[in-house]
Amino acid sequence: MAFDRGETSKPFIVSKDHVDLKGFLILILLTMLWGCNYPAIKISIIGFSPIFNAFLRSGIASVLGILYCMLIKQPLFHRDIRLFHGFMVGMLFGGEFICIYFGMAYTDATRAVILVNFSPFVVTVGAYLFLREKLGIGKIAGLLLGFTGAYLVFHGKPRTWNISMLFGDLLELGAAFFWGATTVYIKKYLAGRVHPIHTFLYQLVFSVPIIFVCACWLETRWILDINTAAVLALLYASIVVAFASYLTWFKLIHAYPVSQLAIFTFLSPVFGVASGVIILREQLTAGLILGLLSVSAGIYVTNYRKG
């Protein structure tokens, strides 16, 4: 969300051979929105319980996705094996956001954004194991940087650290594995077989039931302390990030080389850490800074392609 959320059902034709100024500015904006999403989640769970919050996010974005699908006159669901694969993608996607939101109740947004962005390294290993993609020197170097970064984040404890923060960190790392598994599954079973809107929609719609079941199972109180900031943060995560930004990302995939787009995703944890420090006043430890640099460099190296 290494960050592919889908591919086109028609032969992929790159209309531009490089990222121009317009694409560059859009990518900067998108990575900024994705990074700021983590402080927004932290704020929104003050008003709504974490997993119920994730349920509301997926529900709102699903409705908008369905309306958009109808607007562009695409069928909502397939009637063959692709529907089953869409369901599986939704389950993985739901697991990702259950971990993100539940974990955010225990750890800092600055730590979460780095650990969740461990997912490109999960994709690299998964692609090697299940998609028969080669592991070159660049990818191996990226993996080493990624693991080093995760270690540094765990090692760099803030003043507010306690054992529950470790639980939250592990949940965020679990979210990274779910995100990576989602991407690998999409590449193996849906890429090139469905329209991007369906990959986008299946993730959202089929994640709603599993998130709702977990909210019923793990949370006894859904409404906590509703305030303006919590509601605005929920709407930001649902409308701006989950719907608008991902839809824009899919459109960029049609217009520019995917390898060049993926390189820019290293900026997401940078913006996430910066916004967490500025908005939430979270402590910027040496381990966090070094972990951020290592993970961001690993993302860049893993996705780098010559030419």
Protein backbone atom coordinates (compact mmCIF):
# COMPACT_ATOMS: atom_id res chain seq x y z
CA MET A 1 0.00 0.00 0.00
CA ALA A 2 6.00 -3.45 -3.37
CA PHE A 3 2.86 -1.27 -2.86
CA ASP A 4 0.71 -2.51 -5.73
CA ARG A 5 -2.97 -2.79 -4.88
CA GLY A 6 -3.95 -4.09 -8.31
CA GLU A 7 -3.35 -4.20 -12.04
CA THR A 8 -5.44 -3.56 -15.12
CA SER A 9 -7.41 -6.30 -16.84
CA LYS A 10 -6.25 -4.97 -20.23
CA PRO A 11 -2.68 -5.18 -21.49
CA PHE A 12 -0.64 -2.70 -19.50
CA ILE A 13 0.55 0.14 -21.72
CA VAL A 14 2.80 2.80 -20.22
CA SER A 15 1.80 6.13 -21.72
CA LYS A 16 4.92 7.86 -20.37
CA ASP A 17 8.39 6.44 -20.00
CA HIS A 18 9.27 8.49 -16.92
CA VAL A 19 7.65 10.34 -14.02
CA ASP A 20 7.16 13.95 -15.14
CA LEU A 21 6.65 17.01 -12.93
CA LYS A 22 2.89 16.42 -12.62
CA GLY A 23 3.39 12.80 -11.60
CA PHE A 24 6.15 13.80 -9.19
CA LEU A 25 3.94 16.35 -7.42
CA ILE A 26 1.05 13.87 -7.18
CA LEU A 27 3.38 11.23 -5.72
CA ILE A 28 4.67 13.68 -3.11
CA LEU A 29 1.08 14.50 -2.17
CA LEU A 30 0.05 10.83 -1.98
CA THR A 31 2.98 9.78 0.19
CA MET A 32 2.29 12.74 2.45
CA LEU A 33 -1.36 11.70 2.79
CA TRP A 34 -0.35 8.09 3.55
CA GLY A 35 2.18 9.19 6.14
CA CYS A 36 -0.24 11.55 7.88
CA ASN A 37 -2.79 8.73 8.04
CA TYR A 38 -1.05 7.23 11.08
CA PRO A 39 -1.46 10.26 13.37
CA ALA A 40 -5.04 10.49 12.06
CA ILE A 41 -5.70 6.90 13.18
CA LYS A 42 -4.18 7.68 16.57
CA ILE A 43 -6.53 10.66 16.93
CA SER A 44 -9.62 8.83 15.68
CA ILE A 45 -9.29 5.94 18.17
CA ILE A 46 -9.84 8.46 20.96
CA GLY A 47 -13.45 8.67 19.83
CA PHE A 48 -14.05 5.16 18.49
CA SER A 49 -12.60 1.83 19.59
CA PRO A 50 -9.73 0.75 17.30
CA ILE A 51 -11.25 -2.21 15.44
CA PHE A 52 -14.69 -0.60 15.18
CA ASN A 53 -12.86 2.42 13.79
CA ALA A 54 -11.30 0.22 11.10
CA PHE A 55 -14.79 -1.17 10.37
CA LEU A 56 -16.17 2.35 9.87
CA ARG A 57 -13.22 3.24 7.62
CA SER A 58 -13.69 0.22 5.36
CA GLY A 59 -17.47 0.67 5.36
CA ILE A 60 -17.35 4.33 4.29
CA ALA A 61 -14.68 3.71 1.66
CA SER A 62 -16.61 0.66 0.36
CA VAL A 63 -19.75 2.72 -0.22
CA LEU A 64 -17.74 5.34 -2.12
CA GLY A 65 -15.99 2.61 -4.11
CA ILE A 66 -19.30 1.00 -5.09
CA LEU A 67 -20.67 4.37 -6.21
CA TYR A 68 -17.54 5.02 -8.27
CA CYS A 69 -17.74 1.55 -9.81
CA MET A 70 -21.32 2.24 -10.85
CA LEU A 71 -20.31 5.66 -12.20
CA ILE A 72 -17.71 4.18 -14.57
CA LYS A 73 -20.18 1.40 -15.44
CA GLN A 74 -18.12 -1.52 -14.23
CA PRO A 75 -19.86 -4.62 -12.77
CA LEU A 76 -19.52 -4.72 -9.00
CA PHE A 77 -18.50 -8.38 -8.71
CA HIS A 78 -17.32 -11.21 -10.93
CA ARG A 79 -19.16 -14.53 -11.11
CA ASP A 80 -16.24 -16.88 -11.41
CA ILE A 81 -13.13 -17.88 -9.45
CA ARG A 82 -12.02 -14.26 -9.39
CA LEU A 83 -14.74 -13.54 -6.85
CA PHE A 84 -13.23 -16.14 -4.50
CA HIS A 85 -9.78 -14.60 -4.94
CA GLY A 86 -11.32 -11.21 -4.27
CA PHE A 87 -12.77 -12.60 -1.04
CA MET A 88 -9.36 -13.93 0.02
CA VAL A 89 -7.76 -10.57 -0.72
CA GLY A 90 -10.42 -8.92 1.43
CA MET A 91 -9.66 -11.27 4.32
CA LEU A 92 -5.95 -10.46 4.15
CA PHE A 93 -6.69 -6.75 3.82
CA GLY A 94 -9.01 -6.93 6.82
CA GLY A 95 -6.31 -8.64 8.87
CA GLU A 96 -3.90 -5.87 7.95
CA PHE A 97 -6.13 -3.10 9.25
CA ILE A 98 -7.22 -4.98 12.34
CA CYS A 99 -3.53 -5.17 13.25
CA ILE A 100 -2.86 -1.53 12.33
CA TYR A 101 -5.76 -0.07 14.29
CA PHE A 102 -5.58 -2.41 17.28
CA GLY A 103 -1.83 -1.98 17.49
CA MET A 104 -2.13 1.79 17.38
CA ALA A 105 -3.88 1.68 20.75
CA TYR A 106 -0.61 0.45 22.27
CA THR A 107 2.24 1.99 20.28
CA ASP A 108 3.22 5.34 18.80
CA ALA A 109 2.23 6.42 15.29
CA THR A 110 5.89 7.14 14.48
CA ARG A 111 6.85 3.54 15.27
CA ALA A 112 3.79 2.10 13.52
CA VAL A 113 4.41 3.85 10.20
CA ILE A 114 7.95 2.46 9.98
CA LEU A 115 7.01 -1.08 11.00
CA VAL A 116 3.99 -1.28 8.66
CA ASN A 117 6.21 -0.14 5.80
CA PHE A 118 8.23 -3.32 6.32
CA SER A 119 5.71 -4.82 3.85
CA PRO A 120 7.83 -4.31 0.68
CA PHE A 121 10.37 -6.72 2.13
CA VAL A 122 7.62 -9.26 2.77
CA VAL A 123 6.62 -8.85 -0.87
CA THR A 124 10.20 -9.43 -2.00
CA VAL A 125 10.45 -12.72 -0.10
CA GLY A 126 6.91 -13.76 -1.09
CA ALA A 127 7.56 -13.03 -4.75
CA TYR A 128 10.69 -15.17 -4.59
CA LEU A 129 8.87 -18.07 -2.90
CA PHE A 130 5.54 -18.00 -4.75
CA LEU A 131 6.01 -15.98 -7.95
CA ARG A 132 9.47 -17.27 -8.89
CA GLU A 133 10.93 -13.79 -9.03
CA LYS A 134 14.70 -13.58 -8.70
CA LEU A 135 16.49 -12.15 -5.68
CA GLY A 136 19.17 -9.86 -7.04
CA ILE A 137 21.89 -8.10 -5.09
CA GLY A 138 19.74 -4.97 -4.82
CA LYS A 139 16.80 -6.82 -3.31
CA ILE A 140 19.01 -8.71 -0.87
CA ALA A 141 20.60 -5.42 0.20
CA GLY A 142 17.12 -3.93 0.59
CA LEU A 143 16.06 -6.86 2.77
CA LEU A 144 19.07 -6.43 5.02
CA LEU A 145 18.34 -2.72 5.37
CA GLY A 146 14.69 -3.48 6.14
CA PHE A 147 15.48 -6.01 8.88
CA THR A 148 18.08 -3.65 10.32
CA GLY A 149 15.54 -0.85 10.36
CA ALA A 150 12.93 -2.94 12.15
CA TYR A 151 15.53 -3.95 14.75
CA LEU A 152 16.52 -0.32 15.32
CA VAL A 153 12.90 0.72 15.82
CA PHE A 154 12.38 -2.02 18.41
CA HIS A 155 15.66 -1.08 20.08
CA GLY A 156 15.00 2.68 20.15
CA LYS A 157 12.56 2.88 23.05
CA PRO A 158 10.92 6.25 23.85
CA ARG A 159 10.43 7.57 27.39
CA THR A 160 6.83 6.29 27.32
CA TRP A 161 7.88 2.74 26.48
CA ASN A 162 6.31 -0.16 28.38
CA ILE A 163 5.65 -3.84 27.63
CA SER A 164 2.30 -3.04 26.00
CA MET A 165 4.13 -0.94 23.39
CA LEU A 166 5.99 -4.09 22.37
CA PHE A 167 2.60 -5.76 21.81
CA GLY A 168 1.53 -2.84 19.63
CA ASP A 169 4.80 -2.95 17.68
CA LEU A 170 4.34 -6.65 16.97
CA LEU A 171 0.79 -6.00 15.74
CA GLU A 172 2.09 -3.32 13.35
CA LEU A 173 4.71 -5.75 12.09
CA GLY A 174 1.90 -8.29 11.67
CA ALA A 175 0.06 -5.70 9.56
CA ALA A 176 3.14 -5.47 7.33
CA PHE A 177 3.03 -9.24 6.76
CA PHE A 178 -0.69 -9.09 5.92
CA TRP A 179 -0.08 -6.18 3.52
CA GLY A 180 2.77 -8.03 1.83
CA ALA A 181 0.72 -11.23 1.60
CA THR A 182 -2.15 -9.25 0.05
CA THR A 183 0.13 -7.84 -2.63
CA VAL A 184 1.65 -11.24 -3.48
CA TYR A 185 -1.81 -12.84 -3.62
CA ILE A 186 -3.06 -10.10 -5.96
CA LYS A 187 -0.05 -10.50 -8.23
CA LYS A 188 -0.52 -14.27 -8.39
CA TYR A 189 -4.29 -14.54 -8.83
CA LEU A 190 -5.81 -11.19 -9.86
CA ALA A 191 -3.18 -9.09 -11.64
CA GLY A 192 -4.07 -8.76 -15.32
CA ARG A 193 -7.42 -10.51 -14.79
CA VAL A 194 -9.55 -7.78 -13.25
CA HIS A 195 -10.03 -4.02 -13.56
CA PRO A 196 -8.12 -2.06 -10.88
CA ILE A 197 -11.41 -0.86 -9.37
CA HIS A 198 -12.30 -4.47 -8.56
CA THR A 199 -9.01 -5.13 -6.76
CA PHE A 200 -9.62 -1.90 -4.86
CA LEU A 201 -13.27 -2.73 -4.15
CA TYR A 202 -12.77 -6.38 -3.19
CA GLN A 203 -10.21 -5.41 -0.57
CA LEU A 204 -12.59 -2.95 1.04
CA VAL A 205 -15.94 -4.75 0.75
CA PHE A 206 -14.75 -8.20 1.83
CA SER A 207 -12.71 -6.76 4.68
CA VAL A 208 -15.84 -5.33 6.31
CA PRO A 209 -17.28 -8.65 7.65
CA ILE A 210 -14.03 -9.91 9.19
CA ILE A 211 -13.32 -6.55 10.80
CA PHE A 212 -16.86 -6.39 12.18
CA VAL A 213 -16.61 -9.91 13.64
CA CYS A 214 -13.33 -9.00 15.35
CA ALA A 215 -14.85 -5.78 16.70
CA CYS A 216 -17.71 -7.79 18.22
CA TRP A 217 -15.31 -10.35 19.64
CA LEU A 218 -12.53 -8.14 21.00
CA GLU A 219 -14.27 -4.88 21.90
CA THR A 220 -17.11 -4.38 24.36
CA ARG A 221 -17.45 -0.63 23.87
CA TRP A 222 -17.31 0.97 20.43
CA ILE A 223 -18.10 4.62 21.12
CA LEU A 224 -15.54 6.14 23.49
CA ASP A 225 -15.22 9.93 23.45
CA ILE A 226 -16.55 11.36 20.20
CA ASN A 227 -15.19 14.81 19.42
CA THR A 228 -14.63 16.92 16.32
CA ALA A 229 -10.99 15.89 15.93
CA ALA A 230 -11.83 12.16 16.11
CA VAL A 231 -14.63 12.47 13.53
CA LEU A 232 -12.49 14.53 11.14
CA ALA A 233 -9.63 12.04 11.52
CA LEU A 234 -12.00 9.16 10.72
CA LEU A 235 -13.30 10.95 7.63
CA TYR A 236 -9.75 11.72 6.54
CA ALA A 237 -8.71 8.06 6.83
CA SER A 238 -11.88 6.86 5.09
CA ILE A 239 -12.47 9.36 2.30
CA VAL A 240 -9.13 11.00 1.60
CA VAL A 241 -6.81 8.02 2.17
CA ALA A 242 -8.79 4.78 1.77
CA PHE A 243 -10.81 6.01 -1.21
CA ALA A 244 -9.35 9.03 -3.01
CA SER A 245 -5.62 8.42 -2.57
CA TYR A 246 -5.69 4.73 -3.49
CA LEU A 247 -7.90 5.45 -6.51
CA THR A 248 -5.39 8.09 -7.64
CA TRP A 249 -2.57 5.58 -7.13
CA PHE A 250 -4.29 3.11 -9.45
CA LYS A 251 -4.60 5.80 -12.12
CA LEU A 252 -0.90 6.59 -11.82
CA ILE A 253 -0.14 2.91 -12.44
CA HIS A 254 -1.82 3.27 -15.86
CA ALA A 255 0.15 6.39 -16.77
CA TYR A 256 3.69 5.78 -15.50
CA PRO A 257 6.19 2.91 -15.13
CA VAL A 258 5.32 1.01 -11.95
CA SER A 259 8.96 0.55 -10.96
CA GLN A 260 9.50 4.31 -10.97
CA LEU A 261 6.33 4.90 -8.95
CA ALA A 262 7.30 2.34 -6.30
CA ILE A 263 10.60 4.08 -5.59
CA PHE A 264 8.74 7.12 -4.25
CA THR A 265 6.93 5.09 -1.58
CA PHE A 266 10.01 5.37 0.66
CA LEU A 267 8.73 8.87 1.45
CA SER A 268 5.62 7.55 3.21
CA PRO A 269 7.36 6.57 6.48
CA VAL A 270 9.34 9.83 6.34
CA PHE A 271 6.15 11.89 6.27
CA GLY A 272 4.60 9.56 8.85
CA VAL A 273 7.38 10.06 11.37
CA ALA A 274 7.47 13.82 10.76
CA SER A 275 3.69 14.17 11.21
CA GLY A 276 3.74 11.98 14.33
CA VAL A 277 6.38 14.18 15.93
CA ILE A 278 4.73 17.46 14.88
CA ILE A 279 1.06 16.61 15.40
CA LEU A 280 1.21 14.14 18.28
CA ARG A 281 4.44 15.38 19.92
CA GLU A 282 5.85 11.85 19.97
CA GLN A 283 9.49 11.42 20.96
CA LEU A 284 12.01 11.16 18.15
CA THR A 285 14.59 8.70 19.46
CA ALA A 286 17.93 7.87 17.82
CA GLY A 287 16.69 4.34 17.15
CA LEU A 288 13.61 5.71 15.43
CA ILE A 289 15.64 8.02 13.20
CA LEU A 290 18.13 5.30 12.24
CA GLY A 291 15.31 2.78 11.75
CA LEU A 292 13.46 5.24 9.50
CA LEU A 293 16.56 5.86 7.39
CA SER A 294 17.29 2.14 7.11
CA VAL A 295 13.74 1.10 6.17
CA SER A 296 13.29 4.01 3.73
CA ALA A 297 16.63 3.23 2.09
CA GLY A 298 15.66 -0.45 1.93
CA ILE A 299 12.36 0.39 0.21
CA TYR A 300 14.20 2.53 -2.33
CA VAL A 301 16.88 -0.09 -3.04
CA THR A 302 14.36 -2.95 -3.23
CA ASN A 303 12.22 -1.13 -5.80
CA TYR A 304 15.05 0.46 -7.81
CA ARG A 305 15.27 -0.54 -11.46
CA LYS A 306 17.86 0.72 -13.93
CA GLY A 307 16.60 2.52 -16.98
